[in-house]
PDB file of N, CA and C in Angstrom:
ATOM      1  N   MET A   1      -6.264 -39.559   5.790  1.00  0.00           N
ATOM      2  CA  MET A   1      -4.919 -39.568   5.438  1.00  0.00           C
ATOM      3  C   MET A   1      -4.557 -40.821   4.699  1.00  0.00           C
ATOM      4  N   SER A   2      -4.221 -41.276   3.722  1.00  0.00           N
ATOM      5  CA  SER A   2      -4.040 -42.288   3.065  1.00  0.00           C
ATOM      6  C   SER A   2      -3.460 -43.876   3.889  1.00  0.00           C
ATOM      7  N   GLU A   3      -3.584 -43.966   3.444  1.00  0.00           N
ATOM      8  CA  GLU A   3      -2.897 -45.599   4.284  1.00  0.00           C
ATOM      9  C   GLU A   3      -1.474 -45.982   3.668  1.00  0.00           C
ATOM     10  N   LEU A   4      -0.549 -46.212   3.872  1.00  0.00           N
ATOM     11  CA  LEU A   4       0.599 -46.422   3.591  1.00  0.00           C
ATOM     12  C   LEU A   4       1.249 -48.099   3.589  1.00  0.00           C
ATOM     13  N   PRO A   5       1.960 -48.141   2.543  1.00  0.00           N
ATOM     14  CA  PRO A   5       2.356 -49.338   2.153  1.00  0.00           C
ATOM     15  C   PRO A   5       2.765 -50.159   3.415  1.00  0.00           C
ATOM     16  N   PRO A   6       2.789 -51.173   4.058  1.00  0.00           N
ATOM     17  CA  PRO A   6       3.630 -52.541   5.177  1.00  0.00           C
ATOM     18  C   PRO A   6       4.819 -52.669   4.866  1.00  0.00           C
ATOM     19  N   ASP A   7       4.820 -52.803   3.405  1.00  0.00           N
ATOM     20  CA  ASP A   7       6.378 -53.401   3.221  1.00  0.00           C
ATOM     21  C   ASP A   7       8.054 -52.120   3.351  1.00  0.00           C
ATOM     22  N   LEU A   8       8.479 -52.321   3.959  1.00  0.00           N
ATOM     23  CA  LEU A   8      10.026 -52.179   4.161  1.00  0.00           C
ATOM     24  C   LEU A   8      10.167 -51.075   1.937  1.00  0.00           C
ATOM     25  N   PRO A   9      10.731 -51.797   1.114  1.00  0.00           N
ATOM     26  CA  PRO A   9      10.678 -50.999  -0.244  1.00  0.00           C
ATOM     27  C   PRO A   9       9.630 -50.001  -0.975  1.00  0.00           C
ATOM     28  N   ARG A  10       7.885 -50.645  -0.374  1.00  0.00           N
ATOM     29  CA  ARG A  10       7.365 -49.616  -1.294  1.00  0.00           C
ATOM     30  C   ARG A  10       7.194 -48.287  -0.211  1.00  0.00           C
ATOM     31  N   LEU A  11       7.583 -48.520   1.187  1.00  0.00           N
ATOM     32  CA  LEU A  11       7.710 -47.548   1.697  1.00  0.00           C
ATOM     33  C   LEU A  11       8.914 -46.821   1.808  1.00  0.00           C
ATOM     34  N   ARG A  12      10.167 -46.849   1.468  1.00  0.00           N
ATOM     35  CA  ARG A  12      11.491 -46.051   1.102  1.00  0.00           C
ATOM     36  C   ARG A  12      10.859 -45.462  -0.349  1.00  0.00           C
ATOM     37  N   THR A  13      10.020 -46.129  -1.290  1.00  0.00           N
ATOM     38  CA  THR A  13       9.433 -45.622  -2.960  1.00  0.00           C
ATOM     39  C   THR A  13       9.004 -44.443  -2.384  1.00  0.00           C
ATOM     40  N   VAL A  14       8.096 -44.377  -1.754  1.00  0.00           N
ATOM     41  CA  VAL A  14       6.962 -43.318  -1.136  1.00  0.00           C
ATOM     42  C   VAL A  14       8.034 -42.118  -0.479  1.00  0.00           C
ATOM     43  N   VAL A  15       8.730 -42.708   0.424  1.00  0.00           N
ATOM     44  CA  VAL A  15       9.616 -41.699   1.150  1.00  0.00           C
ATOM     45  C   VAL A  15      10.461 -41.167  -0.283  1.00  0.00           C
ATOM     46  N   THR A  16      11.117 -41.435  -0.924  1.00  0.00           N
ATOM     47  CA  THR A  16      11.735 -40.897  -2.218  1.00  0.00           C
ATOM     48  C   THR A  16      10.839 -40.128  -3.053  1.00  0.00           C
ATOM     49  N   TYR A  17       9.809 -40.440  -3.699  1.00  0.00           N
ATOM     50  CA  TYR A  17       8.730 -39.409  -4.343  1.00  0.00           C
ATOM     51  C   TYR A  17       8.459 -38.076  -3.209  1.00  0.00           C
ATOM     52  N   LEU A  18       7.845 -38.415  -2.229  1.00  0.00           N
ATOM     53  CA  LEU A  18       7.899 -37.267  -1.082  1.00  0.00           C
ATOM     54  C   LEU A  18       9.091 -36.369  -1.405  1.00  0.00           C
ATOM     55  N   ARG A  19       9.862 -36.292  -1.051  1.00  0.00           N
ATOM     56  CA  ARG A  19      11.176 -36.101  -0.846  1.00  0.00           C
ATOM     57  C   ARG A  19      11.792 -35.136  -2.213  1.00  0.00           C
ATOM     58  N   GLY A  20      11.173 -35.820  -3.386  1.00  0.00           N
ATOM     59  CA  GLY A  20      11.514 -35.143  -4.706  1.00  0.00           C
ATOM     60  C   GLY A  20       9.791 -34.273  -5.248  1.00  0.00           C
ATOM     61  N   GLU A  21       8.883 -33.996  -4.213  1.00  0.00           N
ATOM     62  CA  GLU A  21       7.869 -33.495  -4.456  1.00  0.00           C
ATOM     63  C   GLU A  21       8.228 -32.117  -3.815  1.00  0.00           C
ATOM     64  N   LEU A  22       8.712 -32.609  -2.041  1.00  0.00           N
ATOM     65  CA  LEU A  22       9.073 -31.534  -1.353  1.00  0.00           C
ATOM     66  C   LEU A  22      10.037 -30.588  -2.228  1.00  0.00           C
ATOM     67  N   ASN A  23      11.001 -31.034  -2.959  1.00  0.00           N
ATOM     68  CA  ASN A  23      12.131 -30.095  -3.589  1.00  0.00           C
ATOM     69  C   ASN A  23      11.855 -29.409  -4.049  1.00  0.00           C
ATOM     70  N   ARG A  24      10.654 -29.711  -5.449  1.00  0.00           N
ATOM     71  CA  ARG A  24      10.205 -28.827  -6.189  1.00  0.00           C
ATOM     72  C   ARG A  24       9.754 -27.803  -5.509  1.00  0.00           C
ATOM     73  N   ALA A  25       8.655 -28.305  -4.870  1.00  0.00           N
ATOM     74  CA  ALA A  25       7.884 -27.087  -4.025  1.00  0.00           C
ATOM     75  C   ALA A  25       8.459 -26.312  -3.701  1.00  0.00           C
ATOM     76  N   GLU A  26       9.851 -26.490  -2.625  1.00  0.00           N
ATOM     77  CA  GLU A  26      10.408 -25.621  -2.569  1.00  0.00           C
ATOM     78  C   GLU A  26      11.374 -24.590  -3.602  1.00  0.00           C
ATOM     79  N   ARG A  27      11.561 -25.430  -4.085  1.00  0.00           N
ATOM     80  CA  ARG A  27      12.271 -24.533  -5.688  1.00  0.00           C
ATOM     81  C   ARG A  27      11.801 -23.655  -5.923  1.00  0.00           C
ATOM     82  N   ALA A  28      10.158 -23.997  -6.428  1.00  0.00           N
ATOM     83  CA  ALA A  28       8.696 -22.967  -7.068  1.00  0.00           C
ATOM     84  C   ALA A  28       8.241 -22.020  -5.795  1.00  0.00           C
ATOM     85  N   LEU A  29       9.067 -22.523  -4.197  1.00  0.00           N
ATOM     86  CA  LEU A  29       8.718 -21.163  -3.259  1.00  0.00           C
ATOM     87  C   LEU A  29       9.486 -20.169  -3.771  1.00  0.00           C
ATOM     88  N   ASN A  30      11.085 -20.521  -3.770  1.00  0.00           N
ATOM     89  CA  ASN A  30      12.013 -19.512  -3.631  1.00  0.00           C
ATOM     90  C   ASN A  30      11.661 -18.893  -5.073  1.00  0.00           C
ATOM     91  N   THR A  31      11.686 -19.437  -5.973  1.00  0.00           N
ATOM     92  CA  THR A  31      11.497 -18.121  -7.291  1.00  0.00           C
ATOM     93  C   THR A  31      10.368 -17.442  -7.226  1.00  0.00           C
ATOM     94  N   ALA A  32       9.580 -17.827  -6.535  1.00  0.00           N
ATOM     95  CA  ALA A  32       7.753 -16.836  -6.287  1.00  0.00           C
ATOM     96  C   ALA A  32       8.456 -15.913  -5.333  1.00  0.00           C
ATOM     97  N   GLU A  33       9.295 -16.057  -4.425  1.00  0.00           N
ATOM     98  CA  GLU A  33      10.122 -15.484  -3.391  1.00  0.00           C
ATOM     99  C   GLU A  33      10.767 -14.207  -4.182  1.00  0.00           C
ATOM    100  N   GLU A  34      11.819 -14.761  -5.115  1.00  0.00           N
ATOM    101  CA  GLU A  34      12.490 -13.981  -5.732  1.00  0.00           C
ATOM    102  C   GLU A  34      11.947 -12.860  -6.938  1.00  0.00           C
ATOM    103  N   ARG A  35      10.683 -13.286  -7.419  1.00  0.00           N
ATOM    104  CA  ARG A  35      10.139 -12.867  -8.235  1.00  0.00           C
ATOM    105  C   ARG A  35       9.175 -11.606  -7.307  1.00  0.00           C
ATOM    106  N   GLU A  36       8.831 -11.929  -6.763  1.00  0.00           N
ATOM    107  CA  GLU A  36       8.056 -10.488  -5.175  1.00  0.00           C
ATOM    108  C   GLU A  36       9.050  -9.908  -4.905  1.00  0.00           C
ATOM    109  N   ALA A  37      10.280  -9.856  -4.414  1.00  0.00           N
ATOM    110  CA  ALA A  37      11.599  -9.110  -4.185  1.00  0.00           C
ATOM    111  C   ALA A  37      11.804  -8.247  -5.414  1.00  0.00           C
ATOM    112  N   LEU A  38      11.830  -8.975  -6.428  1.00  0.00           N
ATOM    113  CA  LEU A  38      11.990  -8.108  -7.612  1.00  0.00           C
ATOM    114  C   LEU A  38      11.194  -6.856  -7.788  1.00  0.00           C
ATOM    115  N   ALA A  39       9.882  -7.286  -7.802  1.00  0.00           N
ATOM    116  CA  ALA A  39       8.974  -6.455  -8.714  1.00  0.00           C
ATOM    117  C   ALA A  39       8.847  -5.646  -7.414  1.00  0.00           C
ATOM    118  N   ALA A  40       8.664  -5.861  -5.969  1.00  0.00           N
ATOM    119  CA  ALA A  40       8.965  -5.034  -4.982  1.00  0.00           C
ATOM    120  C   ALA A  40       9.877  -3.764  -5.223  1.00  0.00           C
ATOM    121  N   ARG A  41      11.441  -4.268  -5.692  1.00  0.00           N
ATOM    122  CA  ARG A  41      12.110  -3.139  -5.804  1.00  0.00           C
ATOM    123  C   ARG A  41      12.406  -2.767  -6.651  1.00  0.00           C
ATOM    124  N   ARG A  42      11.553  -2.728  -7.460  1.00  0.00           N
ATOM    125  CA  ARG A  42      11.157  -2.076  -8.618  1.00  0.00           C
ATOM    126  C   ARG A  42       9.917  -0.817  -8.893  1.00  0.00           C
ATOM    127  N   HIS A  43       8.888  -1.390  -7.676  1.00  0.00           N
ATOM    128  CA  HIS A  43       8.070  -0.881  -7.415  1.00  0.00           C
ATOM    129  C   HIS A  43       7.854  -0.307  -6.142  1.00  0.00           C
ATOM    130  N   PRO A  44       8.431   0.327  -5.775  1.00  0.00           N
ATOM    131  CA  PRO A  44       8.647   0.079  -4.114  1.00  0.00           C
ATOM    132  C   PRO A  44       7.400   1.423  -3.570  1.00  0.00           C
ATOM    133  N   SER A  45       7.059   0.500  -2.330  1.00  0.00           N
ATOM    134  CA  SER A  45       5.735   1.412  -2.057  1.00  0.00           C
ATOM    135  C   SER A  45       5.996   2.322  -1.439  1.00  0.00           C
ATOM    136  N   THR A  46       5.265   3.622  -1.611  1.00  0.00           N
ATOM    137  CA  THR A  46       5.580   4.564  -1.188  1.00  0.00           C
ATOM    138  C   THR A  46       4.247   5.054   0.137  1.00  0.00           C
ATOM    139  N   GLU A  47       4.605   5.867   1.330  1.00  0.00           N
ATOM    140  CA  GLU A  47       3.775   6.167   1.819  1.00  0.00           C
ATOM    141  C   GLU A  47       2.803   7.568   1.487  1.00  0.00           C
ATOM    142  N   PRO A  48       1.955   7.237   1.486  1.00  0.00           N
ATOM    143  CA  PRO A  48       0.883   8.286   1.271  1.00  0.00           C
ATOM    144  C   PRO A  48       0.957   9.371   2.069  1.00  0.00           C
ATOM    145  N   PRO A  49       0.514  10.401   1.066  1.00  0.00           N
ATOM    146  CA  PRO A  49       0.950  11.898   1.830  1.00  0.00           C
ATOM    147  C   PRO A  49       0.018  12.285   3.001  1.00  0.00           C
ATOM    148  N   ALA A  50       0.492  12.791   3.838  1.00  0.00           N
ATOM    149  CA  ALA A  50      -0.057  12.745   5.361  1.00  0.00           C
ATOM    150  C   ALA A  50      -1.101  14.137   5.280  1.00  0.00           C
ATOM    151  N   TRP A  51      -0.701  14.961   4.437  1.00  0.00           N
ATOM    152  CA  TRP A  51      -1.937  16.662   4.231  1.00  0.00           C
ATOM    153  C   TRP A  51      -2.405  16.390   2.290  1.00  0.00           C
ATOM    154  N   LEU A  52      -3.292  16.624   1.827  1.00  0.00           N
ATOM    155  CA  LEU A  52      -3.615  16.850   0.427  1.00  0.00           C
ATOM    156  C   LEU A  52      -4.468  18.156   0.378  1.00  0.00           C
ATOM    157  N   ILE A  53      -3.894  18.678  -1.077  1.00  0.00           N
ATOM    158  CA  ILE A  53      -5.125  20.259  -1.403  1.00  0.00           C
ATOM    159  C   ILE A  53      -5.360  19.608  -2.834  1.00  0.00           C
ATOM    160  N   GLU A  54      -6.573  19.912  -2.712  1.00  0.00           N
ATOM    161  CA  GLU A  54      -7.125  19.754  -3.467  1.00  0.00           C
ATOM    162  C   GLU A  54      -7.596  21.378  -4.787  1.00  0.00           C
ATOM    163  N   ARG A  55      -7.168  20.760  -5.970  1.00  0.00           N
ATOM    164  CA  ARG A  55      -7.567  22.185  -6.642  1.00  0.00           C
ATOM    165  C   ARG A  55      -8.300  22.184  -7.749  1.00  0.00           C
ATOM    166  N   GLY A  56      -8.153  23.420  -8.196  1.00  0.00           N
ATOM    167  CA  GLY A  56     -10.241  23.488  -8.845  1.00  0.00           C
ATOM    168  C   GLY A  56      -9.710  22.846 -10.014  1.00  0.00           C
ATOM    169  N   ILE A  57     -10.604  23.498 -11.057  1.00  0.00           N
ATOM    170  CA  ILE A  57     -10.550  23.208 -12.547  1.00  0.00           C
ATOM    171  C   ILE A  57     -10.440  23.932 -12.985  1.00  0.00           C
ATOM    172  N   GLY A  58      -9.688  24.350 -14.272  1.00  0.00           N
ATOM    173  CA  GLY A  58      -9.740  25.232 -15.293  1.00  0.00           C
ATOM    174  C   GLY A  58      -8.354  25.939 -15.200  1.00  0.00           C
ATOM    175  N   VAL A  59      -8.181  27.155 -15.717  1.00  0.00           N
ATOM    176  CA  VAL A  59      -6.816  28.015 -15.691  1.00  0.00           C
ATOM    177  C   VAL A  59      -6.671  28.284 -14.035  1.00  0.00           C
ATOM    178  N   GLY A  60      -4.914  28.207 -14.170  1.00  0.00           N
ATOM    179  CA  GLY A  60      -4.666  28.309 -12.895  1.00  0.00           C
ATOM    180  C   GLY A  60      -4.734  27.413 -11.568  1.00  0.00           C
ATOM    181  N   ARG A  61      -5.962  26.704 -11.431  1.00  0.00           N
ATOM    182  CA  ARG A  61      -6.002  25.661 -10.901  1.00  0.00           C
ATOM    183  C   ARG A  61      -6.002  26.196  -9.282  1.00  0.00           C
ATOM    184  N   LEU A  62      -6.639  27.325  -8.964  1.00  0.00           N
ATOM    185  CA  LEU A  62      -5.965  27.329  -7.784  1.00  0.00           C
ATOM    186  C   LEU A  62      -6.696  26.625  -6.615  1.00  0.00           C
ATOM    187  N   PRO A  63      -5.894  26.322  -5.309  1.00  0.00           N
ATOM    188  CA  PRO A  63      -6.556  25.984  -3.899  1.00  0.00           C
ATOM    189  C   PRO A  63      -7.637  25.991  -3.534  1.00  0.00           C
ATOM    190  N   VAL A  64      -8.551  24.904  -3.206  1.00  0.00           N
ATOM    191  CA  VAL A  64      -9.585  25.521  -3.240  1.00  0.00           C
ATOM    192  C   VAL A  64     -10.538  24.390  -1.635  1.00  0.00           C
ATOM    193  N   ARG A  65      -9.508  23.474  -1.380  1.00  0.00           N
ATOM    194  CA  ARG A  65      -9.732  23.012   0.029  1.00  0.00           C
ATOM    195  C   ARG A  65      -8.551  21.882   0.495  1.00  0.00           C
ATOM    196  N   VAL A  66      -8.656  21.579   1.815  1.00  0.00           N
ATOM    197  CA  VAL A  66      -7.092  21.085   2.456  1.00  0.00           C
ATOM    198  C   VAL A  66      -7.780  19.661   2.743  1.00  0.00           C
ATOM    199  N   HIS A  67      -7.664  18.172   2.400  1.00  0.00           N
ATOM    200  CA  HIS A  67      -7.736  17.105   3.433  1.00  0.00           C
ATOM    201  C   HIS A  67      -6.115  16.510   3.805  1.00  0.00           C
ATOM    202  N   ALA A  68      -6.650  15.993   4.870  1.00  0.00           N
ATOM    203  CA  ALA A  68      -5.773  14.885   5.364  1.00  0.00           C
ATOM    204  C   ALA A  68      -5.666  13.466   4.863  1.00  0.00           C
ATOM    205  N   GLY A  69      -4.880  13.308   5.101  1.00  0.00           N
ATOM    206  CA  GLY A  69      -4.028  12.372   3.807  1.00  0.00           C
ATOM    207  C   GLY A  69      -5.361  11.129   3.619  1.00  0.00           C
ATOM    208  N   GLY A  70      -5.487  10.666   4.454  1.00  0.00           N
ATOM    209  CA  GLY A  70      -6.623   9.754   4.285  1.00  0.00           C
ATOM    210  C   GLY A  70      -7.727   9.993   4.374  1.00  0.00           C
ATOM    211  N   CYS A  71      -8.426  11.244   4.072  1.00  0.00           N
ATOM    212  CA  CYS A  71      -9.860  11.519   3.770  1.00  0.00           C
ATOM    213  C   CYS A  71     -10.694  10.502   2.553  1.00  0.00           C
ATOM    214  N   TRP A  72     -11.862  10.455   3.146  1.00  0.00           N
ATOM    215  CA  TRP A  72     -12.362  10.190   2.243  1.00  0.00           C
ATOM    216  C   TRP A  72     -13.274  10.448   0.609  1.00  0.00           C
ATOM    217  N   ASP A  73     -12.862  11.633   1.175  1.00  0.00           N
ATOM    218  CA  ASP A  73     -13.756  12.671  -0.013  1.00  0.00           C
ATOM    219  C   ASP A  73     -12.504  13.636  -0.463  1.00  0.00           C
ATOM    220  N   ALA A  74     -11.453  12.674  -0.753  1.00  0.00           N
ATOM    221  CA  ALA A  74     -10.160  13.475  -1.031  1.00  0.00           C
ATOM    222  C   ALA A  74     -10.250  12.917  -2.992  1.00  0.00           C
ATOM    223  N   ARG A  75     -10.334  13.963  -3.966  1.00  0.00           N
ATOM    224  CA  ARG A  75     -10.384  13.453  -5.102  1.00  0.00           C
ATOM    225  C   ARG A  75      -9.429  13.471  -6.187  1.00  0.00           C
ATOM    226  N   LYS A  76      -9.345  13.548  -7.807  1.00  0.00           N
ATOM    227  CA  LYS A  76      -8.169  13.413  -8.116  1.00  0.00           C
ATOM    228  C   LYS A  76      -7.116  14.502  -8.057  1.00  0.00           C
ATOM    229  N   ARG A  77      -8.426  15.753  -8.425  1.00  0.00           N
ATOM    230  CA  ARG A  77      -7.082  17.244  -8.108  1.00  0.00           C
ATOM    231  C   ARG A  77      -6.710  17.295  -6.800  1.00  0.00           C
ATOM    232  N   CYS A  78      -6.205  16.369  -5.533  1.00  0.00           N
ATOM    233  CA  CYS A  78      -5.228  16.719  -4.924  1.00  0.00           C
ATOM    234  C   CYS A  78      -4.092  16.186  -4.991  1.00  0.00           C
ATOM    235  N   THR A  79      -3.252  16.875  -4.540  1.00  0.00           N
ATOM    236  CA  THR A  79      -2.238  16.042  -4.484  1.00  0.00           C
ATOM    237  C   THR A  79      -0.943  16.780  -2.956  1.00  0.00           C
ATOM    238  N   GLY A  80      -0.102  15.513  -2.979  1.00  0.00           N
ATOM    239  CA  GLY A  80       0.236  15.657  -0.947  1.00  0.00           C
ATOM    240  C   GLY A  80       0.836  17.394  -1.214  1.00  0.00           C
ATOM    241  N   ILE A  81       0.659  17.754  -0.027  1.00  0.00           N
ATOM    242  CA  ILE A  81       1.951  18.791   0.674  1.00  0.00           C
ATOM    243  C   ILE A  81       1.935  18.560   1.887  1.00  0.00           C
ATOM    244  N   SER A  82       3.063  19.321   2.617  1.00  0.00           N
ATOM    245  CA  SER A  82       3.768  19.069   4.070  1.00  0.00           C
ATOM    246  C   SER A  82       2.435  19.572   5.118  1.00  0.00           C
ATOM    247  N   ARG A  83       2.950  19.223   5.958  1.00  0.00           N
ATOM    248  CA  ARG A  83       2.581  19.928   7.157  1.00  0.00           C
ATOM    249  C   ARG A  83       2.505  21.599   7.162  1.00  0.00           C
ATOM    250  N   GLU A  84       3.478  21.993   6.899  1.00  0.00           N
ATOM    251  CA  GLU A  84       3.960  23.515   7.039  1.00  0.00           C
ATOM    252  C   GLU A  84       2.863  23.579   5.517  1.00  0.00           C
ATOM    253  N   GLU A  85       2.720  23.226   4.552  1.00  0.00           N
ATOM    254  CA  GLU A  85       2.228  23.681   3.380  1.00  0.00           C
ATOM    255  C   GLU A  85       0.180  24.122   3.896  1.00  0.00           C
ATOM    256  N   ALA A  86       0.122  22.463   4.331  1.00  0.00           N
ATOM    257  CA  ALA A  86      -1.811  22.929   4.834  1.00  0.00           C
ATOM    258  C   ALA A  86      -1.501  23.425   5.548  1.00  0.00           C
ATOM    259  N   ARG A  87      -1.069  23.475   6.906  1.00  0.00           N
ATOM    260  CA  ARG A  87      -1.184  24.605   7.683  1.00  0.00           C
ATOM    261  C   ARG A  87      -1.570  26.349   7.143  1.00  0.00           C
ATOM    262  N   ARG A  88      -0.358  26.581   6.228  1.00  0.00           N
ATOM    263  CA  ARG A  88       0.028  27.655   5.640  1.00  0.00           C
ATOM    264  C   ARG A  88      -1.669  28.176   5.046  1.00  0.00           C
ATOM    265  N   ALA A  89      -1.894  27.018   4.194  1.00  0.00           N
ATOM    266  CA  ALA A  89      -3.321  27.182   2.996  1.00  0.00           C
ATOM    267  C   ALA A  89      -4.335  27.150   3.887  1.00  0.00           C
ATOM    268  N   LEU A  90      -4.352  26.978   4.730  1.00  0.00           N
ATOM    269  CA  LEU A  90      -5.699  26.849   5.761  1.00  0.00           C
ATOM    270  C   LEU A  90      -5.716  28.405   6.114  1.00  0.00           C
ATOM    271  N   VAL A  91      -4.489  29.073   7.061  1.00  0.00           N
ATOM    272  CA  VAL A  91      -4.488  30.394   7.428  1.00  0.00           C
ATOM    273  C   VAL A  91      -4.723  31.588   6.493  1.00  0.00           C
ATOM    274  N   GLU A  92      -4.368  30.825   4.818  1.00  0.00           N
ATOM    275  CA  GLU A  92      -4.351  31.794   4.026  1.00  0.00           C
ATOM    276  C   GLU A  92      -5.947  32.395   3.327  1.00  0.00           C
ATOM    277  N   GLY A  93      -7.076  31.138   4.039  1.00  0.00           N
ATOM    278  CA  GLY A  93      -8.312  31.594   3.340  1.00  0.00           C
ATOM    279  C   GLY A  93      -8.890  30.096   2.680  1.00  0.00           C
ATOM    280  N   VAL A  94      -8.160  29.639   2.934  1.00  0.00           N
ATOM    281  CA  VAL A  94      -7.928  27.861   1.581  1.00  0.00           C
ATOM    282  C   VAL A  94      -9.417  27.162   2.885  1.00  0.00           C
ATOM    283  N   GLN A  95     -10.436  26.902   2.061  1.00  0.00           N
ATOM    284  CA  GLN A  95     -11.481  25.835   2.997  1.00  0.00           C
ATOM    285  C   GLN A  95     -10.917  24.400   3.465  1.00  0.00           C
ATOM    286  N   ALA A  96     -11.132  24.117   4.628  1.00  0.00           N
ATOM    287  CA  ALA A  96     -11.026  22.992   5.100  1.00  0.00           C
ATOM    288  C   ALA A  96     -11.762  22.271   4.789  1.00  0.00           C
ATOM    289  N   CYS A  97     -11.907  20.420   4.902  1.00  0.00           N
ATOM    290  CA  CYS A  97     -12.553  19.373   4.262  1.00  0.00           C
ATOM    291  C   CYS A  97     -13.525  19.316   5.504  1.00  0.00           C
ATOM    292  N   PRO A  98     -15.154  19.364   5.440  1.00  0.00           N
ATOM    293  CA  PRO A  98     -15.752  19.426   6.507  1.00  0.00           C
ATOM    294  C   PRO A  98     -15.610  17.852   6.784  1.00  0.00           C
ATOM    295  N   HIS A  99     -15.222  16.666   6.369  1.00  0.00           N
ATOM    296  CA  HIS A  99     -15.465  15.557   6.918  1.00  0.00           C
ATOM    297  C   HIS A  99     -14.132  15.023   7.421  1.00  0.00           C
ATOM    298  N   CYS A 100     -12.675  15.360   6.706  1.00  0.00           N
ATOM    299  CA  CYS A 100     -11.563  14.990   7.508  1.00  0.00           C
ATOM    300  C   CYS A 100     -10.742  16.127   8.423  1.00  0.00           C
ATOM    301  N   ARG A 101     -11.828  17.510   8.816  1.00  0.00           N
ATOM    302  CA  ARG A 101     -11.299  18.093   9.310  1.00  0.00           C
ATOM    303  C   ARG A 101      -9.721  18.324   9.731  1.00  0.00           C
ATOM    304  N   PRO A 102      -9.255  18.602   8.509  1.00  0.00           N
ATOM    305  CA  PRO A 102      -7.490  19.532   9.308  1.00  0.00           C
ATOM    306  C   PRO A 102      -7.049  20.153   9.697  1.00  0.00           C
ATOM    307  N   ASP A 103      -8.073  21.477  10.124  1.00  0.00           N
ATOM    308  CA  ASP A 103      -7.917  22.264  10.506  1.00  0.00           C
ATOM    309  C   ASP A 103      -8.125  22.161  12.399  1.00  0.00           C
ATOM    310  N   ALA A 104      -8.717  21.461  12.405  1.00  0.00           N
ATOM    311  CA  ALA A 104      -9.333  20.609  14.138  1.00  0.00           C
ATOM    312  C   ALA A 104      -7.750  19.897  14.243  1.00  0.00           C
ATOM    313  N   VAL A 105      -7.090  19.270  13.274  1.00  0.00           N
ATOM    314  CA  VAL A 105      -6.138  18.166  13.623  1.00  0.00           C
ATOM    315  C   VAL A 105      -5.093  19.492  13.604  1.00  0.00           C
ATOM    316  N   LEU A 106      -4.587  20.415  13.152  1.00  0.00           N
ATOM    317  CA  LEU A 106      -3.512  21.430  13.207  1.00  0.00           C
ATOM    318  C   LEU A 106      -3.582  22.125  14.052  1.00  0.00           C
ATOM    319  N   GLY A 107      -4.717  22.103  14.400  1.00  0.00           N
ATOM    320  CA  GLY A 107      -5.116  23.198  15.925  1.00  0.00           C
ATOM    321  C   GLY A 107      -5.474  25.137  14.764  1.00  0.00           C
ATOM    322  N   ILE A 108      -6.182  24.737  13.711  1.00  0.00           N
ATOM    323  CA  ILE A 108      -6.622  25.940  12.921  1.00  0.00           C
ATOM    324  C   ILE A 108      -7.921  26.605  13.319  1.00  0.00           C
ATOM    325  N   GLU A 109      -8.306  27.035  14.427  1.00  0.00           N
ATOM    326  CA  GLU A 109      -9.822  26.961  13.589  1.00  0.00           C
ATOM    327  C   GLU A 109     -10.418  28.325  14.576  1.00  0.00           C
TER     328      GLU A 109
END
């Protein structure tokens, strides 16, 4: 830490300067917080889906696999579905992902 001046006039000058810098820093902080809050309101974070259905390529794009929401093997062709839709798809014969095992999680084996 730097040495502070021993005399009263210079100490007052340092305190005045530091108060000004603190005010500038607090204004910059407030501006940044307001900007972040505005961005969060514009793009609210959405909760990721708990269940995914992976569709095939081509005409009709039939369902080919059911995944749990956080599966590492879920691909771009996946869309979010409800728990009931995932259960129905598995019962109707859509393959369960062998990695995240949604059939085991949903009690369908």
